[in-house]
Amino acid sequence: MGPAFCPDEERKADEAYQRALRYLGFRSRTQKEVEEYLRRKGFEAEAIEKAIEKLKGYGFIDDKDFASNWVNSRMRNNPKSRAAMALELRQKGVDAEIIDEVMELVPREQEEAVANRLAQKYYERYREVDERERMYKTAQALARRGFDWELIERIIRRLM
């Protein structure tokens, strides 16, 4: 005999599902973000689990799709290094395996091209200061975006 049907549990699961749909209406989110949101709203684990299952079934939650879109958006709008983007995805609760898979789709050449564009932007921004400080500030700006020093040095040498 299966578990007893409990209308109250079903109602709470449906309430959690509806609340999550509204939350997802603003922007795409990871499973962890939705779970944490529902937990903060006072839903119990069972209702959250059922709501998440239903959301995943309808394709409203897909961490791989989220990660892929996040990386593409980052590369266009707020470029960062592969390492920095991977860290952001980890903080959003995306599984390490998915992060590795998505990061493999970002070629190193694309990361370097992004770093070059940023370097040009910062180099221009700091044209009022002497050359040494200009290079230093450009390098620091790239470092804040998570680019590794080897890449930064290569780019700075090209700028000189």
C-alpha atoms as a PDB file:
ATOM      1  CA  MET A   1       0.000   0.000   0.000  1.00  0.00           C
ATOM      2  CA  GLY A   2       1.387   3.432  -0.982  1.00  0.00           C
ATOM      3  CA  PRO A   3       1.745   6.444   1.274  1.00  0.00           C
ATOM      4  CA  ALA A   4      -1.468   7.957   2.550  1.00  0.00           C
ATOM      5  CA  PHE A   5      -2.759  10.891   0.550  1.00  0.00           C
ATOM      6  CA  CYS A   6      -2.516  14.030   2.628  1.00  0.00           C
ATOM      7  CA  PRO A   7      -4.376  17.003   1.149  1.00  0.00           C
ATOM      8  CA  ASP A   8      -2.534  19.429   3.451  1.00  0.00           C
ATOM      9  CA  GLU A   9       0.901  18.243   2.214  1.00  0.00           C
ATOM     10  CA  GLU A  10      -0.259  18.470  -1.398  1.00  0.00           C
ATOM     11  CA  ARG A  11      -1.596  21.968  -0.797  1.00  0.00           C
ATOM     12  CA  LYS A  12       1.706  23.083   0.744  1.00  0.00           C
ATOM     13  CA  ALA A  13       3.695  21.543  -2.115  1.00  0.00           C
ATOM     14  CA  ASP A  14       1.464  23.354  -4.613  1.00  0.00           C
ATOM     15  CA  GLU A  15       1.837  26.593  -2.672  1.00  0.00           C
ATOM     16  CA  ALA A  16       5.642  26.173  -2.732  1.00  0.00           C
ATOM     17  CA  TYR A  17       5.490  25.461  -6.473  1.00  0.00           C
ATOM     18  CA  GLN A  18       3.420  28.609  -7.133  1.00  0.00           C
ATOM     19  CA  ARG A  19       5.747  30.739  -4.989  1.00  0.00           C
ATOM     20  CA  ALA A  20       8.791  29.347  -6.822  1.00  0.00           C
ATOM     21  CA  LEU A  21       7.200  30.103 -10.200  1.00  0.00           C
ATOM     22  CA  ARG A  22       6.786  33.745  -9.204  1.00  0.00           C
ATOM     23  CA  TYR A  23      10.408  33.813  -7.995  1.00  0.00           C
ATOM     24  CA  LEU A  24      11.582  32.320 -11.295  1.00  0.00           C
ATOM     25  CA  GLY A  25       9.523  34.886 -13.186  1.00  0.00           C
ATOM     26  CA  PHE A  26      12.110  37.574 -12.524  1.00  0.00           C
ATOM     27  CA  ARG A  27      15.093  35.628 -13.879  1.00  0.00           C
ATOM     28  CA  SER A  28      16.450  32.125 -14.257  1.00  0.00           C
ATOM     29  CA  ARG A  29      17.797  30.586 -11.037  1.00  0.00           C
ATOM     30  CA  THR A  30      19.621  27.493  -9.866  1.00  0.00           C
ATOM     31  CA  GLN A  31      17.967  24.686  -7.949  1.00  0.00           C
ATOM     32  CA  LYS A  32      19.859  25.722  -4.815  1.00  0.00           C
ATOM     33  CA  GLU A  33      18.663  29.339  -5.116  1.00  0.00           C
ATOM     34  CA  VAL A  34      15.036  28.206  -5.399  1.00  0.00           C
ATOM     35  CA  GLU A  35      15.403  25.754  -2.500  1.00  0.00           C
ATOM     36  CA  GLU A  36      16.916  28.457  -0.277  1.00  0.00           C
ATOM     37  CA  TYR A  37      14.217  30.933  -1.271  1.00  0.00           C
ATOM     38  CA  LEU A  38      11.438  28.487  -0.388  1.00  0.00           C
ATOM     39  CA  ARG A  39      13.165  27.591   2.890  1.00  0.00           C
ATOM     40  CA  ARG A  40      13.343  31.309   3.783  1.00  0.00           C
ATOM     41  CA  LYS A  41       9.622  31.565   3.027  1.00  0.00           C
ATOM     42  CA  GLY A  42       8.961  28.897   5.647  1.00  0.00           C
ATOM     43  CA  PHE A  43       8.215  25.858   3.504  1.00  0.00           C
ATOM     44  CA  GLU A  44       9.152  22.439   4.842  1.00  0.00           C
ATOM     45  CA  ALA A  45      11.602  20.088   3.145  1.00  0.00           C
ATOM     46  CA  GLU A  46       8.948  17.771   1.694  1.00  0.00           C
ATOM     47  CA  ALA A  47       6.971  20.599   0.056  1.00  0.00           C
ATOM     48  CA  ILE A  48      10.196  22.088  -1.315  1.00  0.00           C
ATOM     49  CA  GLU A  49      11.304  18.732  -2.707  1.00  0.00           C
ATOM     50  CA  LYS A  50       7.968  18.162  -4.469  1.00  0.00           C
ATOM     51  CA  ALA A  51       7.928  21.706  -5.872  1.00  0.00           C
ATOM     52  CA  ILE A  52      11.525  21.361  -7.148  1.00  0.00           C
ATOM     53  CA  GLU A  53      10.713  18.012  -8.746  1.00  0.00           C
ATOM     54  CA  LYS A  54       7.733  19.544 -10.560  1.00  0.00           C
ATOM     55  CA  LEU A  55       9.728  22.632 -11.644  1.00  0.00           C
ATOM     56  CA  LYS A  56      12.515  20.428 -13.023  1.00  0.00           C
ATOM     57  CA  GLY A  57       9.960  18.227 -14.770  1.00  0.00           C
ATOM     58  CA  TYR A  58       8.572  21.227 -16.633  1.00  0.00           C
ATOM     59  CA  GLY A  59      12.065  22.537 -17.375  1.00  0.00           C
ATOM     60  CA  PHE A  60      11.725  25.647 -15.194  1.00  0.00           C
ATOM     61  CA  ILE A  61      14.871  24.666 -13.298  1.00  0.00           C
ATOM     62  CA  ASP A  62      17.853  23.400 -15.275  1.00  0.00           C
ATOM     63  CA  ASP A  63      21.238  24.089 -13.694  1.00  0.00           C
ATOM     64  CA  LYS A  64      23.176  23.187 -16.848  1.00  0.00           C
ATOM     65  CA  ASP A  65      21.127  25.581 -18.961  1.00  0.00           C
ATOM     66  CA  PHE A  66      21.424  28.228 -16.231  1.00  0.00           C
ATOM     67  CA  ALA A  67      25.227  27.861 -16.100  1.00  0.00           C
ATOM     68  CA  SER A  68      25.584  28.030 -19.861  1.00  0.00           C
ATOM     69  CA  ASN A  69      23.416  31.156 -20.095  1.00  0.00           C
ATOM     70  CA  TRP A  70      25.209  32.731 -17.121  1.00  0.00           C
ATOM     71  CA  VAL A  71      28.624  32.280 -18.758  1.00  0.00           C
ATOM     72  CA  ASN A  72      27.421  33.610 -22.125  1.00  0.00           C
ATOM     73  CA  SER A  73      25.880  36.642 -20.448  1.00  0.00           C
ATOM     74  CA  ARG A  74      29.028  37.275 -18.405  1.00  0.00           C
ATOM     75  CA  MET A  75      31.247  37.113 -21.469  1.00  0.00           C
ATOM     76  CA  ARG A  76      29.070  39.732 -23.197  1.00  0.00           C
ATOM     77  CA  ASN A  77      28.059  42.100 -20.413  1.00  0.00           C
ATOM     78  CA  ASN A  78      30.396  41.852 -17.442  1.00  0.00           C
ATOM     79  CA  PRO A  79      33.414  39.862 -18.600  1.00  0.00           C
ATOM     80  CA  LYS A  80      35.411  37.926 -16.051  1.00  0.00           C
ATOM     81  CA  SER A  81      37.927  35.134 -16.152  1.00  0.00           C
ATOM     82  CA  ARG A  82      36.913  31.508 -16.431  1.00  0.00           C
ATOM     83  CA  ALA A  83      37.979  31.002 -12.801  1.00  0.00           C
ATOM     84  CA  ALA A  84      35.864  33.924 -11.561  1.00  0.00           C
ATOM     85  CA  MET A  85      32.805  32.703 -13.466  1.00  0.00           C
ATOM     86  CA  ALA A  86      33.290  29.174 -12.104  1.00  0.00           C
ATOM     87  CA  LEU A  87      33.424  30.593  -8.571  1.00  0.00           C
ATOM     88  CA  GLU A  88      30.199  32.542  -9.115  1.00  0.00           C
ATOM     89  CA  LEU A  89      28.467  29.407 -10.358  1.00  0.00           C
ATOM     90  CA  ARG A  90      29.730  27.422  -7.354  1.00  0.00           C
ATOM     91  CA  GLN A  91      28.339  30.119  -5.058  1.00  0.00           C
ATOM     92  CA  LYS A  92      24.977  29.781  -6.809  1.00  0.00           C
ATOM     93  CA  GLY A  93      24.990  26.063  -6.038  1.00  0.00           C
ATOM     94  CA  VAL A  94      25.774  24.664  -9.486  1.00  0.00           C
ATOM     95  CA  ASP A  95      27.315  21.195  -9.369  1.00  0.00           C
ATOM     96  CA  ALA A  96      31.092  21.073 -10.035  1.00  0.00           C
ATOM     97  CA  GLU A  97      30.605  18.610 -12.892  1.00  0.00           C
ATOM     98  CA  ILE A  98      28.235  20.997 -14.678  1.00  0.00           C
ATOM     99  CA  ILE A  99      30.623  23.908 -14.091  1.00  0.00           C
ATOM    100  CA  ASP A 100      33.524  21.952 -15.621  1.00  0.00           C
ATOM    101  CA  GLU A 101      31.389  21.002 -18.606  1.00  0.00           C
ATOM    102  CA  VAL A 102      30.253  24.582 -19.236  1.00  0.00           C
ATOM    103  CA  MET A 103      33.724  26.068 -18.702  1.00  0.00           C
ATOM    104  CA  GLU A 104      35.114  23.715 -21.358  1.00  0.00           C
ATOM    105  CA  LEU A 105      32.872  25.515 -23.844  1.00  0.00           C
ATOM    106  CA  VAL A 106      34.733  28.785 -23.209  1.00  0.00           C
ATOM    107  CA  PRO A 107      37.939  28.573 -25.232  1.00  0.00           C
ATOM    108  CA  ARG A 108      41.095  30.017 -23.660  1.00  0.00           C
ATOM    109  CA  GLU A 109      41.418  32.222 -26.762  1.00  0.00           C
ATOM    110  CA  GLN A 110      38.019  33.755 -26.014  1.00  0.00           C
ATOM    111  CA  GLU A 111      39.064  34.420 -22.418  1.00  0.00           C
ATOM    112  CA  GLU A 112      42.242  36.082 -23.668  1.00  0.00           C
ATOM    113  CA  ALA A 113      40.301  38.170 -26.192  1.00  0.00           C
ATOM    114  CA  VAL A 114      37.996  39.364 -23.408  1.00  0.00           C
ATOM    115  CA  ALA A 115      41.002  40.207 -21.226  1.00  0.00           C
ATOM    116  CA  ASN A 116      42.568  42.135 -24.130  1.00  0.00           C
ATOM    117  CA  ARG A 117      39.404  44.199 -24.647  1.00  0.00           C
ATOM    118  CA  LEU A 118      39.222  44.973 -20.940  1.00  0.00           C
ATOM    119  CA  ALA A 119      42.908  45.904 -20.851  1.00  0.00           C
ATOM    120  CA  GLN A 120      42.409  48.330 -23.733  1.00  0.00           C
ATOM    121  CA  LYS A 121      39.438  49.879 -21.946  1.00  0.00           C
ATOM    122  CA  TYR A 122      41.329  50.340 -18.675  1.00  0.00           C
ATOM    123  CA  TYR A 123      44.509  51.461 -20.421  1.00  0.00           C
ATOM    124  CA  GLU A 124      42.508  54.228 -22.102  1.00  0.00           C
ATOM    125  CA  ARG A 125      40.776  55.143 -18.852  1.00  0.00           C
ATOM    126  CA  TYR A 126      44.109  55.723 -17.100  1.00  0.00           C
ATOM    127  CA  ARG A 127      45.772  57.797 -19.848  1.00  0.00           C
ATOM    128  CA  GLU A 128      46.135  60.792 -17.487  1.00  0.00           C
ATOM    129  CA  VAL A 129      48.676  59.007 -15.240  1.00  0.00           C
ATOM    130  CA  ASP A 130      52.284  58.130 -15.992  1.00  0.00           C
ATOM    131  CA  GLU A 131      52.953  54.979 -18.032  1.00  0.00           C
ATOM    132  CA  ARG A 132      54.143  52.817 -15.126  1.00  0.00           C
ATOM    133  CA  GLU A 133      51.084  53.565 -12.997  1.00  0.00           C
ATOM    134  CA  ARG A 134      48.856  53.158 -16.050  1.00  0.00           C
ATOM    135  CA  MET A 135      50.181  49.615 -16.588  1.00  0.00           C
ATOM    136  CA  TYR A 136      49.858  48.841 -12.875  1.00  0.00           C
ATOM    137  CA  LYS A 137      46.243  50.041 -12.719  1.00  0.00           C
ATOM    138  CA  THR A 138      45.348  48.121 -15.883  1.00  0.00           C
ATOM    139  CA  ALA A 139      46.905  44.947 -14.473  1.00  0.00           C
ATOM    140  CA  GLN A 140      45.074  45.388 -11.167  1.00  0.00           C
ATOM    141  CA  ALA A 141      41.761  45.860 -12.964  1.00  0.00           C
ATOM    142  CA  LEU A 142      42.298  42.569 -14.815  1.00  0.00           C
ATOM    143  CA  ALA A 143      43.310  40.819 -11.588  1.00  0.00           C
ATOM    144  CA  ARG A 144      40.084  41.988  -9.903  1.00  0.00           C
ATOM    145  CA  ARG A 145      38.188  40.286 -12.716  1.00  0.00           C
ATOM    146  CA  GLY A 146      39.971  37.024 -11.889  1.00  0.00           C
ATOM    147  CA  PHE A 147      42.453  36.766 -14.754  1.00  0.00           C
ATOM    148  CA  ASP A 148      45.649  34.916 -13.906  1.00  0.00           C
ATOM    149  CA  TRP A 149      48.976  36.746 -13.720  1.00  0.00           C
ATOM    150  CA  GLU A 150      50.513  34.892 -16.633  1.00  0.00           C
ATOM    151  CA  LEU A 151      47.789  36.172 -18.953  1.00  0.00           C
ATOM    152  CA  ILE A 152      47.914  39.662 -17.423  1.00  0.00           C
ATOM    153  CA  GLU A 153      51.693  39.867 -17.952  1.00  0.00           C
ATOM    154  CA  ARG A 154      51.326  38.803 -21.584  1.00  0.00           C
ATOM    155  CA  ILE A 155      48.688  41.458 -22.194  1.00  0.00           C
ATOM    156  CA  ILE A 156      50.638  44.203 -20.409  1.00  0.00           C
ATOM    157  CA  ARG A 157      53.734  43.383 -22.499  1.00  0.00           C
ATOM    158  CA  ARG A 158      51.632  43.758 -25.659  1.00  0.00           C
ATOM    159  CA  LEU A 159      50.301  47.121 -24.456  1.00  0.00           C
ATOM    160  CA  MET A 160      53.854  48.363 -23.916  1.00  0.00           C
END
